[in-house]
Amino acid sequence: MASLLDSLERARLLKDREAAREVLNPAEPPHVSLLRLCDAGLLEGGLTVALGVRPDELVGPLTMAMGGAAKRFKVVDVRERPVLELHILAGETSERWEVEDLWALVHNLNSLYRDAPDARAIAVLGEWNDALQLLCVDKRALPRLLRERFFAPRNRDALEHKPENS
């Protein structure tokens, strides 16, 4: 497991190496270990979100974890229709988002801040212990992380999209 911990330290994603050693199971595949570390609160930028959390309840913690321009994101109104609708304001952008689940919120936030270099990208690591494990990652670190064997985000295709200004 040392190579996983070394890789996470190099990427500045590991909070506490010793605590991580205690949590990990060497028999597990690396991507499962990453889920376990996120759930234990040992990853920088990691969020564990109960599956029953509504998208409008996650907006604040998620945009704060993204940082940069995302910290100024505002929800102006929330409507419950057949699908939850958020009226959002982000700088000069005002939109209405239908967000049926947490995945849709992550997708919309990643799309909105795709070209904002100071906002982290949100990687969906998967589900673990009845919670969705998310990791907010500096976009400059993404290309290297995407080459790592342990990093297998469920939204890989969206994360591999290159910003237009890079």
N, C-alpha and C. Protein backbone atom coordinates (compact mmCIF):
# COMPACT_ATOMS: atom_id res chain seq x y z
N MET A 1 0.82 -1.20 0.00
CA MET A 1 0.00 0.00 0.00
C MET A 1 0.86 1.26 0.00
N ALA A 2 2.14 1.10 0.22
CA ALA A 2 3.02 2.26 0.29
C ALA A 2 2.97 3.06 -1.01
N SER A 3 2.88 2.39 -2.15
CA SER A 3 2.87 3.14 -3.40
C SER A 3 1.62 4.02 -3.52
N LEU A 4 0.49 3.55 -3.05
CA LEU A 4 -0.72 4.38 -3.06
C LEU A 4 -0.53 5.59 -2.16
N LEU A 5 -0.04 5.37 -0.96
CA LEU A 5 0.18 6.48 -0.03
C LEU A 5 1.22 7.45 -0.56
N ASP A 6 2.28 6.92 -1.18
CA ASP A 6 3.30 7.79 -1.78
C ASP A 6 2.68 8.65 -2.88
N SER A 7 1.87 8.02 -3.73
CA SER A 7 1.22 8.76 -4.83
C SER A 7 0.28 9.83 -4.29
N LEU A 8 -0.47 9.49 -3.26
CA LEU A 8 -1.39 10.47 -2.67
C LEU A 8 -0.63 11.61 -2.02
N GLU A 9 0.48 11.32 -1.39
CA GLU A 9 1.30 12.39 -0.79
C GLU A 9 1.88 13.29 -1.87
N ARG A 10 2.39 12.70 -2.95
CA ARG A 10 2.93 13.50 -4.06
C ARG A 10 1.88 14.42 -4.64
N ALA A 11 0.64 13.94 -4.70
CA ALA A 11 -0.46 14.73 -5.24
C ALA A 11 -1.03 15.70 -4.20
N ARG A 12 -0.47 15.68 -3.01
CA ARG A 12 -0.92 16.52 -1.89
C ARG A 12 -2.39 16.27 -1.55
N LEU A 13 -2.78 15.01 -1.61
CA LEU A 13 -4.15 14.63 -1.30
C LEU A 13 -4.29 13.93 0.05
N LEU A 14 -3.19 13.54 0.64
CA LEU A 14 -3.24 12.76 1.88
C LEU A 14 -3.08 13.68 3.09
N LYS A 15 -4.01 13.57 4.04
CA LYS A 15 -3.96 14.40 5.23
C LYS A 15 -3.03 13.83 6.30
N ASP A 16 -3.08 12.52 6.53
CA ASP A 16 -2.35 11.91 7.64
C ASP A 16 -1.94 10.49 7.24
N ARG A 17 -0.67 10.33 6.92
CA ARG A 17 -0.17 9.04 6.43
C ARG A 17 -0.34 7.92 7.45
N GLU A 18 -0.06 8.19 8.70
CA GLU A 18 -0.17 7.15 9.72
C GLU A 18 -1.61 6.71 9.91
N ALA A 19 -2.52 7.65 9.95
CA ALA A 19 -3.94 7.30 10.07
C ALA A 19 -4.40 6.52 8.84
N ALA A 20 -3.88 6.88 7.68
CA ALA A 20 -4.23 6.18 6.45
C ALA A 20 -3.75 4.73 6.50
N ARG A 21 -2.57 4.50 7.02
CA ARG A 21 -2.05 3.12 7.14
C ARG A 21 -2.99 2.25 7.98
N GLU A 22 -3.55 2.84 9.02
CA GLU A 22 -4.45 2.09 9.91
C GLU A 22 -5.77 1.75 9.24
N VAL A 23 -6.20 2.59 8.30
CA VAL A 23 -7.49 2.42 7.63
C VAL A 23 -7.42 1.44 6.48
N LEU A 24 -6.29 1.39 5.80
CA LEU A 24 -6.18 0.62 4.56
C LEU A 24 -6.12 -0.89 4.80
N ASN A 25 -6.64 -1.61 3.82
CA ASN A 25 -6.57 -3.06 3.78
C ASN A 25 -5.72 -3.41 2.56
N PRO A 26 -4.52 -3.95 2.77
CA PRO A 26 -3.61 -4.23 1.64
C PRO A 26 -4.19 -5.18 0.59
N ALA A 27 -5.20 -5.96 0.95
CA ALA A 27 -5.78 -6.91 0.00
C ALA A 27 -6.77 -6.25 -0.96
N GLU A 28 -7.15 -5.02 -0.69
CA GLU A 28 -8.13 -4.34 -1.53
C GLU A 28 -7.48 -3.74 -2.77
N PRO A 29 -8.26 -3.64 -3.85
CA PRO A 29 -7.77 -2.90 -5.02
C PRO A 29 -7.57 -1.43 -4.64
N PRO A 30 -6.63 -0.75 -5.28
CA PRO A 30 -6.33 0.65 -4.93
C PRO A 30 -7.53 1.60 -5.02
N HIS A 31 -8.41 1.43 -6.01
CA HIS A 31 -9.54 2.35 -6.11
C HIS A 31 -10.51 2.17 -4.94
N VAL A 32 -10.57 0.97 -4.37
CA VAL A 32 -11.39 0.73 -3.19
C VAL A 32 -10.73 1.38 -1.97
N SER A 33 -9.42 1.31 -1.91
CA SER A 33 -8.69 1.97 -0.82
C SER A 33 -8.93 3.48 -0.84
N LEU A 34 -9.01 4.04 -2.04
CA LEU A 34 -9.27 5.48 -2.16
C LEU A 34 -10.66 5.82 -1.61
N LEU A 35 -11.64 4.98 -1.89
CA LEU A 35 -12.98 5.17 -1.32
C LEU A 35 -12.93 5.12 0.20
N ARG A 36 -12.21 4.15 0.73
CA ARG A 36 -12.09 3.98 2.18
C ARG A 36 -11.42 5.20 2.81
N LEU A 37 -10.37 5.71 2.18
CA LEU A 37 -9.67 6.89 2.70
C LEU A 37 -10.55 8.13 2.67
N CYS A 38 -11.32 8.27 1.61
CA CYS A 38 -12.22 9.42 1.51
C CYS A 38 -13.27 9.34 2.62
N ASP A 39 -13.85 8.16 2.80
CA ASP A 39 -14.87 7.96 3.83
C ASP A 39 -14.33 8.24 5.23
N ALA A 40 -13.05 7.96 5.44
CA ALA A 40 -12.42 8.19 6.74
C ALA A 40 -12.01 9.65 6.95
N GLY A 41 -12.21 10.49 5.93
CA GLY A 41 -11.86 11.90 6.05
C GLY A 41 -10.37 12.16 5.94
N LEU A 42 -9.65 11.29 5.26
CA LEU A 42 -8.20 11.40 5.18
C LEU A 42 -7.68 11.96 3.86
N LEU A 43 -8.59 12.40 2.98
CA LEU A 43 -8.16 12.99 1.71
C LEU A 43 -8.46 14.48 1.68
N GLU A 44 -7.45 15.26 1.30
CA GLU A 44 -7.65 16.70 1.10
C GLU A 44 -8.64 16.88 -0.03
N GLY A 45 -9.68 17.65 0.20
CA GLY A 45 -10.70 17.88 -0.82
C GLY A 45 -11.75 16.79 -0.88
N GLY A 46 -11.66 15.82 0.01
CA GLY A 46 -12.62 14.72 0.01
C GLY A 46 -13.90 15.08 0.74
N LEU A 47 -15.01 14.61 0.21
CA LEU A 47 -16.32 14.80 0.83
C LEU A 47 -17.07 13.48 0.82
N THR A 48 -17.65 13.15 1.93
CA THR A 48 -18.51 11.99 2.04
C THR A 48 -19.93 12.50 2.21
N VAL A 49 -20.81 12.12 1.30
CA VAL A 49 -22.16 12.67 1.27
C VAL A 49 -23.17 11.52 1.38
N ALA A 50 -23.98 11.55 2.43
CA ALA A 50 -25.01 10.53 2.60
C ALA A 50 -25.90 10.51 1.37
N LEU A 51 -26.32 9.32 0.98
CA LEU A 51 -27.10 9.19 -0.24
C LEU A 51 -28.46 9.88 -0.16
N GLY A 52 -28.95 10.14 1.04
CA GLY A 52 -30.23 10.81 1.19
C GLY A 52 -30.17 12.32 1.13
N VAL A 53 -28.98 12.89 1.00
CA VAL A 53 -28.82 14.35 0.94
C VAL A 53 -29.36 14.86 -0.39
N ARG A 54 -30.11 15.94 -0.31
CA ARG A 54 -30.64 16.57 -1.53
C ARG A 54 -29.57 17.46 -2.16
N PRO A 55 -29.63 17.63 -3.47
CA PRO A 55 -28.65 18.50 -4.15
C PRO A 55 -28.58 19.91 -3.57
N ASP A 56 -29.72 20.50 -3.20
CA ASP A 56 -29.69 21.86 -2.67
C ASP A 56 -29.02 21.92 -1.30
N GLU A 57 -28.96 20.80 -0.58
CA GLU A 57 -28.28 20.76 0.71
C GLU A 57 -26.76 20.61 0.55
N LEU A 58 -26.34 20.09 -0.58
CA LEU A 58 -24.91 19.86 -0.82
C LEU A 58 -24.21 21.04 -1.48
N VAL A 59 -24.95 21.96 -2.07
CA VAL A 59 -24.36 23.06 -2.82
C VAL A 59 -23.30 23.81 -2.01
N GLY A 60 -23.62 24.23 -0.80
CA GLY A 60 -22.69 25.03 0.00
C GLY A 60 -21.39 24.31 0.29
N PRO A 61 -21.43 23.12 0.91
CA PRO A 61 -20.18 22.42 1.18
C PRO A 61 -19.38 22.09 -0.09
N LEU A 62 -20.08 21.75 -1.17
CA LEU A 62 -19.38 21.37 -2.39
C LEU A 62 -18.70 22.55 -3.06
N THR A 63 -19.40 23.69 -3.15
CA THR A 63 -18.78 24.85 -3.79
C THR A 63 -17.64 25.40 -2.92
N MET A 64 -17.74 25.27 -1.61
CA MET A 64 -16.62 25.70 -0.75
C MET A 64 -15.42 24.79 -0.97
N ALA A 65 -15.65 23.49 -1.12
CA ALA A 65 -14.55 22.55 -1.37
C ALA A 65 -13.93 22.79 -2.75
N MET A 66 -14.73 23.24 -3.72
CA MET A 66 -14.20 23.55 -5.04
C MET A 66 -13.30 24.78 -4.97
N GLY A 67 -13.67 25.73 -4.13
CA GLY A 67 -12.87 26.94 -3.95
C GLY A 67 -12.94 27.88 -5.13
N GLY A 68 -12.09 28.89 -5.10
CA GLY A 68 -12.00 29.86 -6.20
C GLY A 68 -13.32 30.51 -6.52
N ALA A 69 -13.60 30.62 -7.81
CA ALA A 69 -14.83 31.27 -8.28
C ALA A 69 -16.08 30.57 -7.76
N ALA A 70 -16.00 29.28 -7.51
CA ALA A 70 -17.17 28.52 -7.04
C ALA A 70 -17.63 28.98 -5.66
N LYS A 71 -16.76 29.60 -4.89
CA LYS A 71 -17.15 30.07 -3.57
C LYS A 71 -18.17 31.22 -3.64
N ARG A 72 -18.30 31.83 -4.81
CA ARG A 72 -19.25 32.93 -4.99
C ARG A 72 -20.58 32.45 -5.59
N PHE A 73 -20.71 31.16 -5.80
CA PHE A 73 -21.92 30.55 -6.36
C PHE A 73 -23.09 30.78 -5.41
N LYS A 74 -24.25 31.09 -5.97
CA LYS A 74 -25.43 31.34 -5.13
C LYS A 74 -26.64 30.58 -5.68
N VAL A 75 -27.42 30.06 -4.77
CA VAL A 75 -28.71 29.49 -5.12
C VAL A 75 -29.75 30.56 -4.78
N VAL A 76 -30.44 31.05 -5.79
CA VAL A 76 -31.41 32.12 -5.63
C VAL A 76 -32.77 31.56 -5.20
N ASP A 77 -33.13 30.40 -5.75
CA ASP A 77 -34.43 29.82 -5.45
C ASP A 77 -34.36 28.30 -5.65
N VAL A 78 -35.18 27.59 -4.90
CA VAL A 78 -35.30 26.14 -5.03
C VAL A 78 -36.76 25.82 -5.23
N ARG A 79 -37.05 25.06 -6.28
CA ARG A 79 -38.43 24.65 -6.57
C ARG A 79 -38.48 23.13 -6.58
N GLU A 80 -39.52 22.62 -6.00
CA GLU A 80 -39.74 21.18 -6.06
C GLU A 80 -40.86 20.93 -7.05
N ARG A 81 -40.51 20.33 -8.12
CA ARG A 81 -41.46 19.93 -9.16
C ARG A 81 -41.33 18.42 -9.26
N PRO A 82 -41.63 17.87 -10.37
CA PRO A 82 -41.28 16.44 -10.45
C PRO A 82 -39.79 16.23 -10.24
N VAL A 83 -38.99 17.24 -10.61
CA VAL A 83 -37.54 17.20 -10.40
C VAL A 83 -37.14 18.49 -9.70
N LEU A 84 -36.24 18.39 -8.75
CA LEU A 84 -35.76 19.57 -8.03
C LEU A 84 -35.15 20.56 -9.02
N GLU A 85 -35.52 21.82 -8.89
CA GLU A 85 -34.98 22.86 -9.77
C GLU A 85 -34.30 23.93 -8.92
N LEU A 86 -33.06 24.23 -9.29
CA LEU A 86 -32.31 25.29 -8.62
C LEU A 86 -32.18 26.47 -9.57
N HIS A 87 -32.52 27.65 -9.09
CA HIS A 87 -32.23 28.87 -9.84
C HIS A 87 -30.91 29.36 -9.27
N ILE A 88 -29.87 29.39 -10.11
CA ILE A 88 -28.52 29.70 -9.63
C ILE A 88 -28.02 31.01 -10.21
N LEU A 89 -27.07 31.59 -9.49
CA LEU A 89 -26.39 32.79 -9.93
C LEU A 89 -24.90 32.57 -9.71
N ALA A 90 -24.15 32.69 -10.79
CA ALA A 90 -22.70 32.53 -10.73
C ALA A 90 -22.09 33.65 -11.56
N GLY A 91 -21.64 34.69 -10.89
CA GLY A 91 -21.15 35.86 -11.61
C GLY A 91 -22.28 36.45 -12.44
N GLU A 92 -22.09 36.57 -13.74
CA GLU A 92 -23.11 37.10 -14.64
C GLU A 92 -24.06 36.02 -15.15
N THR A 93 -23.80 34.77 -14.79
CA THR A 93 -24.61 33.66 -15.27
C THR A 93 -25.77 33.40 -14.33
N SER A 94 -26.96 33.42 -14.89
CA SER A 94 -28.18 33.07 -14.16
C SER A 94 -28.85 31.94 -14.93
N GLU A 95 -29.03 30.79 -14.26
CA GLU A 95 -29.60 29.63 -14.93
C GLU A 95 -30.56 28.90 -14.01
N ARG A 96 -31.39 28.08 -14.61
CA ARG A 96 -32.25 27.17 -13.86
C ARG A 96 -31.76 25.75 -14.17
N TRP A 97 -31.45 25.03 -13.10
CA TRP A 97 -30.94 23.68 -13.25
C TRP A 97 -31.94 22.69 -12.71
N GLU A 98 -32.29 21.69 -13.49
CA GLU A 98 -33.03 20.54 -12.97
C GLU A 98 -31.99 19.55 -12.49
N VAL A 99 -32.02 19.27 -11.20
CA VAL A 99 -31.03 18.36 -10.62
C VAL A 99 -31.77 17.23 -9.91
N GLU A 100 -31.86 16.11 -10.59
CA GLU A 100 -32.61 14.99 -10.03
C GLU A 100 -31.85 14.26 -8.95
N ASP A 101 -30.52 14.42 -8.91
CA ASP A 101 -29.73 13.74 -7.90
C ASP A 101 -28.38 14.44 -7.73
N LEU A 102 -27.56 13.90 -6.85
CA LEU A 102 -26.25 14.49 -6.57
C LEU A 102 -25.33 14.44 -7.78
N TRP A 103 -25.44 13.38 -8.57
CA TRP A 103 -24.62 13.26 -9.78
C TRP A 103 -24.88 14.42 -10.74
N ALA A 104 -26.15 14.80 -10.87
CA ALA A 104 -26.50 15.90 -11.77
C ALA A 104 -25.92 17.21 -11.25
N LEU A 105 -25.95 17.41 -9.95
CA LEU A 105 -25.35 18.63 -9.37
C LEU A 105 -23.85 18.67 -9.65
N VAL A 106 -23.16 17.56 -9.43
CA VAL A 106 -21.72 17.49 -9.70
C VAL A 106 -21.45 17.79 -11.17
N HIS A 107 -22.22 17.19 -12.05
CA HIS A 107 -22.04 17.42 -13.49
C HIS A 107 -22.21 18.91 -13.83
N ASN A 108 -23.27 19.53 -13.31
CA ASN A 108 -23.53 20.94 -13.62
C ASN A 108 -22.45 21.84 -13.06
N LEU A 109 -22.00 21.59 -11.85
CA LEU A 109 -20.94 22.43 -11.27
C LEU A 109 -19.64 22.26 -12.03
N ASN A 110 -19.28 21.03 -12.38
CA ASN A 110 -18.06 20.83 -13.18
C ASN A 110 -18.15 21.54 -14.52
N SER A 111 -19.31 21.49 -15.15
CA SER A 111 -19.49 22.16 -16.45
C SER A 111 -19.41 23.68 -16.30
N LEU A 112 -20.07 24.20 -15.28
CA LEU A 112 -20.08 25.65 -15.07
C LEU A 112 -18.67 26.20 -14.82
N TYR A 113 -17.87 25.48 -14.05
CA TYR A 113 -16.54 25.97 -13.67
C TYR A 113 -15.41 25.28 -14.43
N ARG A 114 -15.75 24.64 -15.54
CA ARG A 114 -14.75 23.92 -16.34
C ARG A 114 -13.54 24.80 -16.71
N ASP A 115 -13.79 26.05 -17.07
CA ASP A 115 -12.72 26.92 -17.52
C ASP A 115 -12.21 27.87 -16.43
N ALA A 116 -12.67 27.70 -15.21
CA ALA A 116 -12.20 28.54 -14.09
C ALA A 116 -10.98 27.86 -13.47
N PRO A 117 -9.78 28.39 -13.70
CA PRO A 117 -8.59 27.71 -13.24
C PRO A 117 -8.48 27.62 -11.71
N ASP A 118 -9.15 28.51 -11.00
CA ASP A 118 -9.03 28.51 -9.54
C ASP A 118 -10.07 27.64 -8.85
N ALA A 119 -11.02 27.08 -9.58
CA ALA A 119 -12.03 26.19 -9.00
C ALA A 119 -11.61 24.74 -9.25
N ARG A 120 -11.64 23.94 -8.20
CA ARG A 120 -11.26 22.54 -8.33
C ARG A 120 -12.35 21.75 -9.07
N ALA A 121 -11.93 20.70 -9.72
CA ALA A 121 -12.86 19.78 -10.38
C ALA A 121 -13.36 18.77 -9.35
N ILE A 122 -14.57 18.29 -9.54
CA ILE A 122 -15.16 17.32 -8.63
C ILE A 122 -15.09 15.94 -9.27
N ALA A 123 -14.37 15.04 -8.63
CA ALA A 123 -14.31 13.65 -9.08
C ALA A 123 -15.28 12.82 -8.24
N VAL A 124 -16.09 12.03 -8.91
CA VAL A 124 -17.00 11.12 -8.22
C VAL A 124 -16.25 9.80 -8.07
N LEU A 125 -15.80 9.51 -6.85
CA LEU A 125 -15.04 8.28 -6.62
C LEU A 125 -15.94 7.06 -6.59
N GLY A 126 -17.19 7.25 -6.18
CA GLY A 126 -18.13 6.13 -6.11
C GLY A 126 -18.85 6.12 -4.79
N GLU A 127 -19.53 5.01 -4.52
CA GLU A 127 -20.28 4.87 -3.27
C GLU A 127 -19.54 3.94 -2.32
N TRP A 128 -19.59 4.29 -1.04
CA TRP A 128 -18.97 3.49 0.00
C TRP A 128 -19.72 3.76 1.30
N ASN A 129 -20.11 2.72 2.00
CA ASN A 129 -20.83 2.85 3.27
C ASN A 129 -22.07 3.74 3.15
N ASP A 130 -22.87 3.48 2.14
CA ASP A 130 -24.12 4.23 1.92
C ASP A 130 -23.90 5.73 1.78
N ALA A 131 -22.79 6.09 1.19
CA ALA A 131 -22.49 7.51 0.95
C ALA A 131 -21.75 7.64 -0.38
N LEU A 132 -21.93 8.79 -0.99
CA LEU A 132 -21.21 9.12 -2.22
C LEU A 132 -19.89 9.76 -1.82
N GLN A 133 -18.80 9.25 -2.38
CA GLN A 133 -17.46 9.77 -2.07
C GLN A 133 -17.02 10.68 -3.21
N LEU A 134 -16.78 11.94 -2.87
CA LEU A 134 -16.37 12.95 -3.85
C LEU A 134 -14.99 13.47 -3.50
N LEU A 135 -14.24 13.88 -4.50
CA LEU A 135 -12.91 14.44 -4.29
C LEU A 135 -12.75 15.67 -5.17
N CYS A 136 -12.52 16.82 -4.53
CA CYS A 136 -12.29 18.06 -5.26
C CYS A 136 -10.78 18.19 -5.49
N VAL A 137 -10.40 18.26 -6.77
CA VAL A 137 -9.00 18.17 -7.17
C VAL A 137 -8.60 19.39 -7.98
N ASP A 138 -7.42 19.91 -7.70
CA ASP A 138 -6.86 21.01 -8.48
C ASP A 138 -6.76 20.54 -9.94
N LYS A 139 -7.27 21.35 -10.85
CA LYS A 139 -7.29 20.97 -12.26
C LYS A 139 -5.90 20.73 -12.84
N ARG A 140 -4.91 21.40 -12.29
CA ARG A 140 -3.55 21.19 -12.79
C ARG A 140 -3.04 19.80 -12.44
N ALA A 141 -3.57 19.20 -11.38
CA ALA A 141 -3.15 17.86 -10.96
C ALA A 141 -3.94 16.76 -11.66
N LEU A 142 -5.05 17.11 -12.30
CA LEU A 142 -5.91 16.10 -12.91
C LEU A 142 -5.24 15.23 -13.96
N PRO A 143 -4.51 15.78 -14.92
CA PRO A 143 -3.92 14.91 -15.94
C PRO A 143 -3.03 13.82 -15.34
N ARG A 144 -2.24 14.18 -14.35
CA ARG A 144 -1.36 13.19 -13.70
C ARG A 144 -2.19 12.18 -12.91
N LEU A 145 -3.20 12.66 -12.19
CA LEU A 145 -4.05 11.75 -11.41
C LEU A 145 -4.80 10.77 -12.31
N LEU A 146 -5.27 11.24 -13.44
CA LEU A 146 -6.02 10.38 -14.35
C LEU A 146 -5.17 9.25 -14.92
N ARG A 147 -3.86 9.39 -14.86
CA ARG A 147 -2.96 8.31 -15.31
C ARG A 147 -2.68 7.30 -14.20
N GLU A 148 -3.03 7.64 -12.97
CA GLU A 148 -2.77 6.74 -11.83
C GLU A 148 -3.78 5.59 -11.82
N ARG A 149 -3.29 4.41 -11.49
CA ARG A 149 -4.12 3.21 -11.45
C ARG A 149 -5.20 3.29 -10.37
N PHE A 150 -4.89 3.93 -9.26
CA PHE A 150 -5.83 4.00 -8.14
C PHE A 150 -6.96 5.00 -8.37
N PHE A 151 -6.77 5.93 -9.30
CA PHE A 151 -7.74 7.00 -9.51
C PHE A 151 -8.68 6.59 -10.64
N ALA A 152 -9.87 6.11 -10.25
CA ALA A 152 -10.84 5.62 -11.22
C ALA A 152 -12.20 6.30 -10.99
N PRO A 153 -12.26 7.62 -11.20
CA PRO A 153 -13.52 8.32 -10.94
C PRO A 153 -14.62 7.87 -11.89
N ARG A 154 -15.83 7.88 -11.39
CA ARG A 154 -16.98 7.47 -12.20
C ARG A 154 -17.28 8.48 -13.28
N ASN A 155 -16.83 9.70 -13.11
CA ASN A 155 -17.07 10.74 -14.12
C ASN A 155 -15.78 11.08 -14.88
N ARG A 156 -14.98 10.06 -15.15
CA ARG A 156 -13.69 10.22 -15.83
C ARG A 156 -13.82 10.99 -17.14
N ASP A 157 -14.81 10.65 -17.97
CA ASP A 157 -14.96 11.32 -19.27
C ASP A 157 -15.11 12.83 -19.12
N ALA A 158 -15.92 13.25 -18.16
CA ALA A 158 -16.12 14.69 -17.94
C ALA A 158 -14.83 15.34 -17.44
N LEU A 159 -14.08 14.64 -16.61
CA LEU A 159 -12.84 15.20 -16.06
C LEU A 159 -11.73 15.28 -17.10
N GLU A 160 -11.76 14.43 -18.09
CA GLU A 160 -10.71 14.44 -19.11
C GLU A 160 -10.88 15.57 -20.12
N HIS A 161 -12.04 16.22 -20.12
CA HIS A 161 -12.27 17.37 -21.02
C HIS A 161 -11.29 18.47 -20.66
N LYS A 162 -10.59 18.97 -21.64
CA LYS A 162 -9.60 20.02 -21.42
C LYS A 162 -10.26 21.41 -21.45
N PRO A 163 -9.89 22.30 -20.52
CA PRO A 163 -10.40 23.67 -20.58
C PRO A 163 -10.00 24.33 -21.89
N GLU A 164 -10.84 25.21 -22.42
CA GLU A 164 -10.57 25.85 -23.71
C GLU A 164 -9.37 26.76 -23.66
N ASN A 165 -9.05 27.33 -22.49
CA ASN A 165 -7.95 28.28 -22.39
C ASN A 165 -6.65 27.65 -21.93
N SER A 166 -6.51 26.31 -22.02
CA SER A 166 -5.25 25.71 -21.54
C SER A 166 -4.32 25.38 -22.69
